Amino acid sequence: MTTRRSVLALAAICALLTASAAFAGWDEGVAAFRSGNYAQAIAEFQQFVEERPDQQAGYQMLGRSLLRGGKAGEAIAAFQKAIEMKADDIGSQVLLGQAFYQSGKPRECISTLSRLNIGGLPANIQVGVYETRGASYARLGNTGSAAADLGRVADLKPSDAGARFEYGQMLHNDAQLDPAIAAYERAISMDGSQAEWKRVLVNALKVKGRRTQGSAKTGVYRKAEDVARSLVGASPSYDNLLLLGEVQLGAKNYDSAASTFQQGISKKSNDWHAHFYLGQAFGSLERYSDAEGPLNTALPLASDEADKREILDYLGFVLSKQNKYAAAISAYERAGNAAGAARVRENQQIAQENQEADEFNRNIEELERQREELRRQLEEVPGATNEPPRR
């Protein structure tokens, strides 16, 4: 949410002049305010209210000058005085809420703006009120209420793609993932030129994909793949290629993922991620010998120990699939995966026992073959029997 935009919007929507210009100093204050000379405006209206304390408009203009001049804390008292003198001064109430927000008092802002009949205000004023109150809720960590207010803003500005996207972001912050994705998709359908919005949508779909099971999981990743492809089509940067490859892995398009990561590596070869993911793509294709090289390349490029362990863990899997038991055990142990190492040792023992059993069976088969050969030879000797001579 662009709270600075809310500040300017609220200041603009309130009436600029609310009192007669018959008093000395009023015109000077208004002229200074209009020209952006807020220091002079503050001085003029301060003098004005001191000399004419019965003029409610003077307090409102003093408050507005202070607010625009970066003195929101001082503006609070001026707006409160204006409201005390005229309880139905909606403009001062709206601006008081803004002053509370700018002063770092979100609770007071929410309380002030919530007393308004917001739905009865003009649409443009409603937008400013909801934006400011929503920003205050967000500061307090109440992302649900903040999202509700930004949803009202988006509905009041149906052609504003940015408002819809900001609504999606707040829903996302509130862990309302599906509604957030829907808001992102609608914003992008309204304005497909925003690459960053597409990246946010793809990453949100990645999160949903990790939480989804079965065929639906693949469907989520394939939707993300479509969006990521449009990013790469507009800009085939390393980051965009990496993002596309990741969702292709999730969509089980392993051949496409391998090709994408290879393109990424051609653009940036010193980042471990693309090498690691390429190894995963080859592993998923059961091309274990092809997977081994990228994983070994990724390992020295990763600086974080947790990343190194992740690479080593998958390398242990790839090596074990090639029956490279000693190397697989070493990789698993370096990854801190004792269970993986134990599993490989067990498989190695089983393989050794199977090998010994196979060797024993081959020996038995050879003895049987020799026995049959001897029988055949005896049959060919005149006067011989089929039985070997007895001792």
Protein backbone atom coordinates (compact mmCIF):
# COMPACT_ATOMS: atom_id res chain seq x y z
CA MET A 1 0.00 0.00 0.00
CA THR A 2 1.33 3.47 -0.88
CA THR A 3 0.52 5.39 2.25
CA ARG A 4 2.11 8.54 0.83
CA ARG A 5 -0.50 8.44 -1.90
CA SER A 6 -3.20 8.17 0.77
CA VAL A 7 -1.79 11.21 2.54
CA LEU A 8 -1.97 13.33 -0.58
CA ALA A 9 -5.37 11.98 -1.55
CA LEU A 10 -6.94 12.81 1.79
CA ALA A 11 -5.47 16.27 1.81
CA ALA A 12 -6.75 16.93 -1.69
CA ILE A 13 -10.28 15.69 -1.13
CA CYS A 14 -11.09 18.03 1.75
CA ALA A 15 -12.28 21.52 0.86
CA LEU A 16 -9.43 23.97 0.59
CA LEU A 17 -11.22 27.02 1.91
CA THR A 18 -13.80 26.77 4.66
CA ALA A 19 -14.02 30.31 5.97
CA SER A 20 -14.66 33.79 4.76
CA ALA A 21 -11.67 35.74 3.55
CA ALA A 22 -12.85 38.78 5.41
CA PHE A 23 -10.27 38.47 8.19
CA ALA A 24 -6.77 39.90 7.96
CA GLY A 25 -4.12 37.22 7.60
CA TRP A 26 -6.48 34.63 6.16
CA ASP A 27 -5.68 35.40 2.53
CA GLU A 28 -1.96 35.36 3.28
CA GLY A 29 -2.23 31.95 4.94
CA VAL A 30 -4.26 30.47 2.07
CA ALA A 31 -1.83 31.87 -0.52
CA ALA A 32 1.13 30.38 1.37
CA PHE A 33 -0.66 27.02 1.67
CA ARG A 34 -1.48 26.93 -2.04
CA SER A 35 2.10 27.76 -2.99
CA GLY A 36 3.49 25.00 -0.75
CA ASN A 37 5.07 27.42 1.71
CA TYR A 38 3.76 25.55 4.72
CA ALA A 39 6.05 27.21 7.24
CA GLN A 40 4.53 30.59 6.38
CA ALA A 41 1.04 29.10 6.28
CA ILE A 42 1.52 27.67 9.76
CA ALA A 43 2.70 31.04 11.05
CA GLU A 44 -0.24 32.90 9.44
CA PHE A 45 -2.91 30.50 10.70
CA GLN A 46 -1.33 30.26 14.15
CA GLN A 47 -1.62 34.01 14.44
CA PHE A 48 -5.11 33.83 12.96
CA VAL A 49 -6.48 31.47 15.62
CA GLU A 50 -4.78 33.45 18.39
CA GLU A 51 -6.52 36.60 17.24
CA ARG A 52 -9.83 34.92 16.28
CA PRO A 53 -10.23 31.83 18.45
CA ASP A 54 -13.94 31.68 17.61
CA GLN A 55 -13.27 30.87 13.92
CA GLN A 56 -13.40 27.10 13.51
CA ALA A 57 -12.04 27.24 9.96
CA GLY A 58 -8.81 28.73 11.26
CA TYR A 59 -8.09 25.61 13.33
CA GLN A 60 -8.81 23.35 10.40
CA MET A 61 -6.45 25.30 8.14
CA LEU A 62 -3.81 25.40 10.85
CA GLY A 63 -4.12 21.62 11.18
CA ARG A 64 -3.87 21.14 7.42
CA SER A 65 -0.81 23.38 7.21
CA LEU A 66 0.87 21.50 10.04
CA LEU A 67 0.02 18.17 8.42
CA ARG A 68 1.44 19.22 5.06
CA GLY A 69 4.43 20.76 6.78
CA GLY A 70 5.44 17.46 8.36
CA LYS A 71 4.20 18.31 11.85
CA ALA A 72 1.43 15.73 12.14
CA GLY A 73 1.73 15.47 15.92
CA GLU A 74 1.00 19.20 16.32
CA ALA A 75 -1.82 19.00 13.78
CA ILE A 76 -3.78 16.62 16.02
CA ALA A 77 -4.66 19.32 18.56
CA ALA A 78 -5.72 21.76 15.83
CA PHE A 79 -8.09 19.21 14.23
CA GLN A 80 -9.47 18.18 17.62
CA LYS A 81 -10.26 21.83 18.35
CA ALA A 82 -11.95 22.21 14.96
CA ILE A 83 -14.12 19.14 15.65
CA GLU A 84 -14.90 20.37 19.16
CA MET A 85 -16.23 23.57 17.65
CA LYS A 86 -18.08 21.80 14.81
CA ALA A 87 -18.86 18.16 15.47
CA ASP A 88 -20.11 17.48 11.92
CA ASP A 89 -16.88 18.69 10.27
CA ILE A 90 -16.21 15.51 8.29
CA GLY A 91 -13.10 16.98 6.66
CA SER A 92 -11.43 17.60 10.02
CA GLN A 93 -12.36 14.13 11.23
CA VAL A 94 -10.83 12.53 8.15
CA LEU A 95 -7.69 14.62 8.47
CA LEU A 96 -7.46 13.92 12.20
CA GLY A 97 -7.32 10.23 11.36
CA GLN A 98 -4.55 11.02 8.87
CA ALA A 99 -2.66 13.04 11.49
CA PHE A 100 -2.87 10.15 13.94
CA TYR A 101 -1.55 7.78 11.26
CA GLN A 102 1.36 10.02 10.35
CA SER A 103 2.16 10.49 14.04
CA GLY A 104 2.56 6.74 14.51
CA LYS A 105 -0.69 6.32 16.41
CA PRO A 106 -2.54 3.67 14.38
CA ARG A 107 -5.03 2.77 17.12
CA GLU A 108 -6.19 6.38 17.44
CA CYS A 109 -6.39 6.59 13.64
CA ILE A 110 -8.61 3.50 13.46
CA SER A 111 -10.83 4.73 16.28
CA THR A 112 -11.27 8.15 14.65
CA LEU A 113 -12.02 6.90 11.14
CA SER A 114 -14.28 4.08 12.37
CA ARG A 115 -16.63 6.66 13.91
CA LEU A 116 -17.38 7.98 10.44
CA ASN A 117 -20.27 6.75 8.32
CA ILE A 118 -17.77 5.83 5.64
CA GLY A 119 -20.34 4.39 3.26
CA GLY A 120 -22.18 7.71 3.21
CA LEU A 121 -19.12 9.66 2.07
CA PRO A 122 -18.30 10.43 -1.57
CA ALA A 123 -16.47 7.52 -3.23
CA ASN A 124 -13.16 9.35 -3.54
CA ILE A 125 -13.18 10.20 0.18
CA GLN A 126 -14.10 6.59 1.03
CA VAL A 127 -11.00 5.45 -0.85
CA GLY A 128 -8.73 7.70 1.22
CA VAL A 129 -10.34 6.66 4.49
CA TYR A 130 -10.11 2.93 3.74
CA GLU A 131 -6.52 3.25 2.57
CA THR A 132 -5.48 5.08 5.73
CA ARG A 133 -7.38 2.83 8.10
CA GLY A 134 -6.10 -0.23 6.26
CA ALA A 135 -2.52 1.01 6.61
CA SER A 136 -3.11 1.48 10.35
CA TYR A 137 -4.46 -2.04 10.71
CA ALA A 138 -1.40 -3.32 8.85
CA ARG A 139 0.93 -1.46 11.24
CA LEU A 140 -0.74 -3.23 14.13
CA GLY A 141 -0.34 -6.58 12.41
CA ASN A 142 -4.09 -6.94 11.88
CA THR A 143 -3.70 -8.07 8.29
CA GLY A 144 -7.24 -9.44 8.09
CA SER A 145 -8.85 -6.06 8.74
CA ALA A 146 -6.26 -4.36 6.55
CA ALA A 147 -7.12 -6.73 3.70
CA ALA A 148 -10.83 -6.04 4.18
CA ASP A 149 -10.24 -2.28 3.86
CA LEU A 150 -8.04 -2.70 0.78
CA GLY A 151 -10.71 -4.93 -0.72
CA ARG A 152 -13.16 -2.04 -0.37
CA VAL A 153 -10.64 0.26 -2.04
CA ALA A 154 -10.27 -2.18 -4.94
CA ASP A 155 -14.06 -2.41 -5.32
CA LEU A 156 -14.36 1.37 -5.28
CA LYS A 157 -11.67 1.57 -7.99
CA PRO A 158 -12.68 -1.30 -10.27
CA SER A 159 -10.43 -0.20 -13.12
CA ASP A 160 -7.35 0.28 -10.91
CA ALA A 161 -5.14 -2.80 -11.35
CA GLY A 162 -2.70 -1.51 -8.72
CA ALA A 163 -5.41 -1.36 -6.06
CA ARG A 164 -6.41 -4.94 -6.86
CA PHE A 165 -2.79 -6.09 -6.64
CA GLU A 166 -2.26 -4.34 -3.27
CA TYR A 167 -5.40 -6.05 -2.02
CA GLY A 168 -3.90 -9.38 -3.09
CA GLN A 169 -0.66 -8.61 -1.25
CA MET A 170 -2.49 -7.90 1.99
CA LEU A 171 -4.54 -11.09 1.61
CA HIS A 172 -1.25 -12.92 1.06
CA ASN A 173 0.18 -11.34 4.23
CA ASP A 174 -2.91 -12.58 6.06
CA ALA A 175 -2.27 -16.14 4.80
CA GLN A 176 -5.40 -16.03 2.65
CA LEU A 177 -3.54 -17.64 -0.23
CA ASP A 178 -6.34 -18.59 -2.60
CA PRO A 179 -8.08 -15.18 -2.48
CA ALA A 180 -4.66 -13.54 -2.86
CA ILE A 181 -3.93 -15.58 -5.99
CA ALA A 182 -7.34 -14.65 -7.40
CA ALA A 183 -6.64 -10.95 -6.76
CA TYR A 184 -3.19 -11.21 -8.39
CA GLU A 185 -4.68 -12.93 -11.42
CA ARG A 186 -7.35 -10.27 -11.78
CA ALA A 187 -4.80 -7.46 -11.48
CA ILE A 188 -2.61 -9.07 -14.15
CA SER A 189 -5.60 -9.57 -16.43
CA MET A 190 -6.20 -5.82 -16.14
CA ASP A 191 -2.55 -4.89 -16.67
CA GLY A 192 -0.30 -7.62 -18.03
CA SER A 193 2.74 -5.35 -18.35
CA GLN A 194 3.77 -5.63 -14.70
CA ALA A 195 6.54 -8.23 -14.60
CA GLU A 196 6.93 -7.99 -10.82
CA TRP A 197 3.25 -8.79 -10.33
CA LYS A 198 3.71 -11.94 -12.39
CA ARG A 199 6.70 -12.97 -10.29
CA VAL A 200 4.63 -12.50 -7.14
CA LEU A 201 1.84 -14.63 -8.64
CA VAL A 202 4.25 -17.40 -9.66
CA ASN A 203 5.77 -17.49 -6.18
CA ALA A 204 2.30 -17.60 -4.61
CA LEU A 205 1.39 -20.52 -6.87
CA LYS A 206 4.64 -22.24 -5.84
CA VAL A 207 3.55 -21.98 -2.20
CA LYS A 208 0.13 -23.39 -3.08
CA GLY A 209 1.76 -26.17 -5.10
CA ARG A 210 3.84 -27.26 -2.12
CA ARG A 211 0.67 -27.48 -0.05
CA THR A 212 -1.35 -29.41 -2.64
CA GLN A 213 -1.41 -33.15 -3.25
CA GLY A 214 -1.97 -35.43 -6.21
CA SER A 215 -2.93 -34.31 -9.70
CA ALA A 216 -4.12 -30.95 -8.35
CA LYS A 217 -0.54 -30.22 -7.32
CA THR A 218 0.69 -30.67 -10.88
CA GLY A 219 -2.16 -28.45 -12.11
CA VAL A 220 -1.12 -25.61 -9.83
CA TYR A 221 2.47 -25.77 -11.03
CA ARG A 222 1.37 -25.86 -14.66
CA LYS A 223 -0.63 -22.70 -14.13
CA ALA A 224 2.49 -21.14 -12.62
CA GLU A 225 4.49 -22.39 -15.60
CA ASP A 226 2.22 -20.51 -18.01
CA VAL A 227 2.79 -17.25 -16.15
CA ALA A 228 6.54 -17.87 -15.83
CA ARG A 229 6.78 -18.56 -19.57
CA SER A 230 5.32 -15.14 -20.28
CA LEU A 231 8.00 -13.62 -18.05
CA VAL A 232 10.76 -15.41 -19.93
CA GLY A 233 9.17 -14.45 -23.24
CA ALA A 234 9.38 -10.78 -22.27
CA SER A 235 12.79 -11.03 -20.62
CA PRO A 236 14.87 -14.27 -20.69
CA SER A 237 16.95 -13.21 -17.70
CA TYR A 238 18.64 -15.68 -15.38
CA ASP A 239 16.15 -14.99 -12.59
CA ASN A 240 13.17 -15.51 -14.88
CA LEU A 241 14.66 -18.72 -16.30
CA LEU A 242 15.34 -20.01 -12.79
CA LEU A 243 11.75 -19.31 -11.77
CA LEU A 244 10.40 -21.04 -14.88
CA GLY A 245 12.60 -24.07 -14.31
CA GLU A 246 11.48 -24.39 -10.69
CA VAL A 247 7.79 -24.53 -11.58
CA GLN A 248 8.53 -26.90 -14.48
CA LEU A 249 10.03 -29.27 -11.92
CA GLY A 250 6.83 -28.99 -9.89
CA ALA A 251 4.75 -29.57 -13.02
CA LYS A 252 6.82 -32.72 -13.74
CA ASN A 253 8.00 -31.31 -17.07
CA TYR A 254 11.48 -32.58 -16.34
CA ASP A 255 12.90 -32.44 -19.87
CA SER A 256 11.73 -28.83 -20.23
CA ALA A 257 13.10 -28.01 -16.79
CA ALA A 258 16.52 -29.44 -17.68
CA SER A 259 16.61 -27.35 -20.86
CA THR A 260 15.56 -24.23 -18.97
CA PHE A 261 18.22 -24.64 -16.29
CA GLN A 262 20.88 -25.21 -18.94
CA GLN A 263 19.85 -21.90 -20.53
CA GLY A 264 20.07 -20.26 -17.13
CA ILE A 265 23.56 -21.64 -16.53
CA SER A 266 24.68 -20.23 -19.87
CA LYS A 267 23.73 -16.79 -18.58
CA LYS A 268 25.05 -17.15 -15.05
CA SER A 269 27.26 -20.11 -14.23
CA ASN A 270 28.39 -19.11 -10.74
CA ASP A 271 25.06 -19.54 -8.95
CA TRP A 272 24.54 -22.95 -7.37
CA HIS A 273 20.76 -22.98 -7.71
CA ALA A 274 20.56 -23.69 -11.44
CA HIS A 275 23.18 -26.47 -11.22
CA PHE A 276 21.38 -28.05 -8.26
CA TYR A 277 17.98 -27.90 -9.95
CA LEU A 278 19.46 -29.30 -13.17
CA GLY A 279 20.73 -32.23 -11.12
CA GLN A 280 17.23 -32.69 -9.71
CA ALA A 281 15.70 -32.61 -13.19
CA PHE A 282 18.11 -35.30 -14.42
CA GLY A 283 17.49 -37.30 -11.25
CA SER A 284 13.73 -37.14 -11.81
CA LEU A 285 14.36 -38.46 -15.33
CA GLU A 286 16.40 -41.30 -13.76
CA ARG A 287 19.46 -40.03 -15.59
CA TYR A 288 21.54 -40.41 -12.46
CA SER A 289 24.96 -40.29 -14.08
CA ASP A 290 23.98 -37.01 -15.80
CA ALA A 291 22.71 -35.63 -12.47
CA GLU A 292 25.99 -36.26 -10.68
CA GLY A 293 27.99 -33.62 -12.58
CA PRO A 294 25.71 -30.60 -11.95
CA LEU A 295 25.41 -31.50 -8.30
CA ASN A 296 29.18 -31.66 -7.90
CA THR A 297 29.39 -28.28 -9.67
CA ALA A 298 26.78 -26.76 -7.35
CA LEU A 299 28.50 -27.88 -4.16
CA PRO A 300 31.51 -25.50 -4.10
CA LEU A 301 29.36 -22.61 -5.37
CA ALA A 302 27.06 -22.73 -2.33
CA SER A 303 28.35 -20.72 0.61
CA ASP A 304 25.62 -21.46 3.16
CA GLU A 305 26.10 -24.68 5.09
CA ALA A 306 22.40 -25.51 4.94
CA ASP A 307 22.49 -25.20 1.14
CA LYS A 308 25.57 -27.45 0.99
CA ARG A 309 23.78 -30.08 3.07
CA GLU A 310 20.78 -29.96 0.74
CA ILE A 311 23.02 -30.53 -2.29
CA LEU A 312 24.94 -33.33 -0.57
CA ASP A 313 21.72 -35.03 0.46
CA TYR A 314 20.47 -35.20 -3.12
CA LEU A 315 23.93 -36.20 -4.34
CA GLY A 316 23.82 -39.10 -1.87
CA PHE A 317 20.54 -40.21 -3.44
CA VAL A 318 21.94 -39.98 -6.98
CA LEU A 319 25.10 -41.90 -6.06
CA SER A 320 23.13 -44.59 -4.27
CA LYS A 321 21.02 -45.12 -7.41
CA GLN A 322 24.26 -45.83 -9.27
CA ASN A 323 25.36 -48.30 -6.58
CA LYS A 324 28.30 -46.05 -5.71
CA TYR A 325 27.91 -47.03 -2.11
CA ALA A 326 31.03 -45.56 -0.54
CA ALA A 327 30.56 -42.18 -2.23
CA ALA A 328 26.84 -42.16 -1.39
CA ILE A 329 27.53 -42.92 2.29
CA SER A 330 30.11 -40.12 2.40
CA ALA A 331 27.69 -37.63 0.81
CA TYR A 332 24.87 -38.54 3.20
CA GLU A 333 27.17 -38.29 6.21
CA ARG A 334 28.43 -34.87 5.12
CA ALA A 335 24.80 -33.84 4.68
CA GLY A 336 24.07 -34.91 8.26
CA ASN A 337 21.64 -37.57 7.02
CA ALA A 338 22.54 -40.54 9.19
CA ALA A 339 19.40 -42.41 8.16
CA GLY A 340 20.33 -42.06 4.49
CA ALA A 341 23.84 -43.33 5.14
CA ALA A 342 22.46 -46.28 7.14
CA ARG A 343 20.05 -47.10 4.35
CA VAL A 344 22.89 -47.18 1.80
CA ARG A 345 24.94 -49.44 4.07
CA GLU A 346 21.99 -51.78 4.35
CA ASN A 347 21.53 -51.78 0.59
CA GLN A 348 25.24 -52.39 0.15
CA GLN A 349 25.08 -55.36 2.52
CA ILE A 350 22.07 -56.76 0.70
CA ALA A 351 23.81 -56.27 -2.63
CA GLN A 352 26.90 -58.03 -1.32
CA GLU A 353 24.84 -60.92 0.00
CA ASN A 354 23.00 -61.14 -3.29
CA GLN A 355 26.31 -61.13 -5.12
CA GLU A 356 27.62 -63.94 -2.94
CA ALA A 357 24.39 -65.88 -3.46
CA ASP A 358 24.63 -65.34 -7.20
CA GLU A 359 28.24 -66.53 -7.13
CA PHE A 360 27.24 -69.62 -5.14
CA ASN A 361 24.42 -70.36 -7.60
CA ARG A 362 26.80 -69.96 -10.51
CA ASN A 363 29.21 -72.43 -8.87
CA ILE A 364 26.39 -74.94 -8.36
CA GLU A 365 25.33 -74.48 -11.96
CA GLU A 366 28.92 -75.07 -13.10
CA LEU A 367 29.19 -78.26 -11.03
CA GLU A 368 25.91 -79.49 -12.50
CA ARG A 369 27.19 -78.68 -15.96
CA GLN A 370 30.41 -80.60 -15.31
CA ARG A 371 28.41 -83.55 -13.92
CA GLU A 372 26.24 -83.65 -17.02
CA GLU A 373 29.30 -83.42 -19.21
CA LEU A 374 30.85 -86.37 -17.38
CA ARG A 375 27.66 -88.40 -17.82
CA ARG A 376 27.70 -87.66 -21.53
CA GLN A 377 31.32 -88.70 -21.84
CA LEU A 378 30.69 -91.99 -19.98
CA GLU A 379 27.83 -92.82 -22.26
CA GLU A 380 30.20 -92.58 -25.19
CA VAL A 381 32.71 -95.13 -23.68
CA PRO A 382 32.00 -98.76 -24.89
CA GLY A 383 30.90 -101.02 -22.05
CA ALA A 384 30.72 -98.16 -19.63
CA THR A 385 27.79 -97.48 -17.39
CA ASN A 386 26.15 -94.21 -16.69
CA GLU A 387 27.44 -94.28 -13.18
CA PRO A 388 30.87 -93.11 -12.15
CA PRO A 389 33.17 -95.99 -11.02
CA ARG A 390 32.80 -96.95 -7.44
CA ARG A 391 35.76 -97.34 -5.14
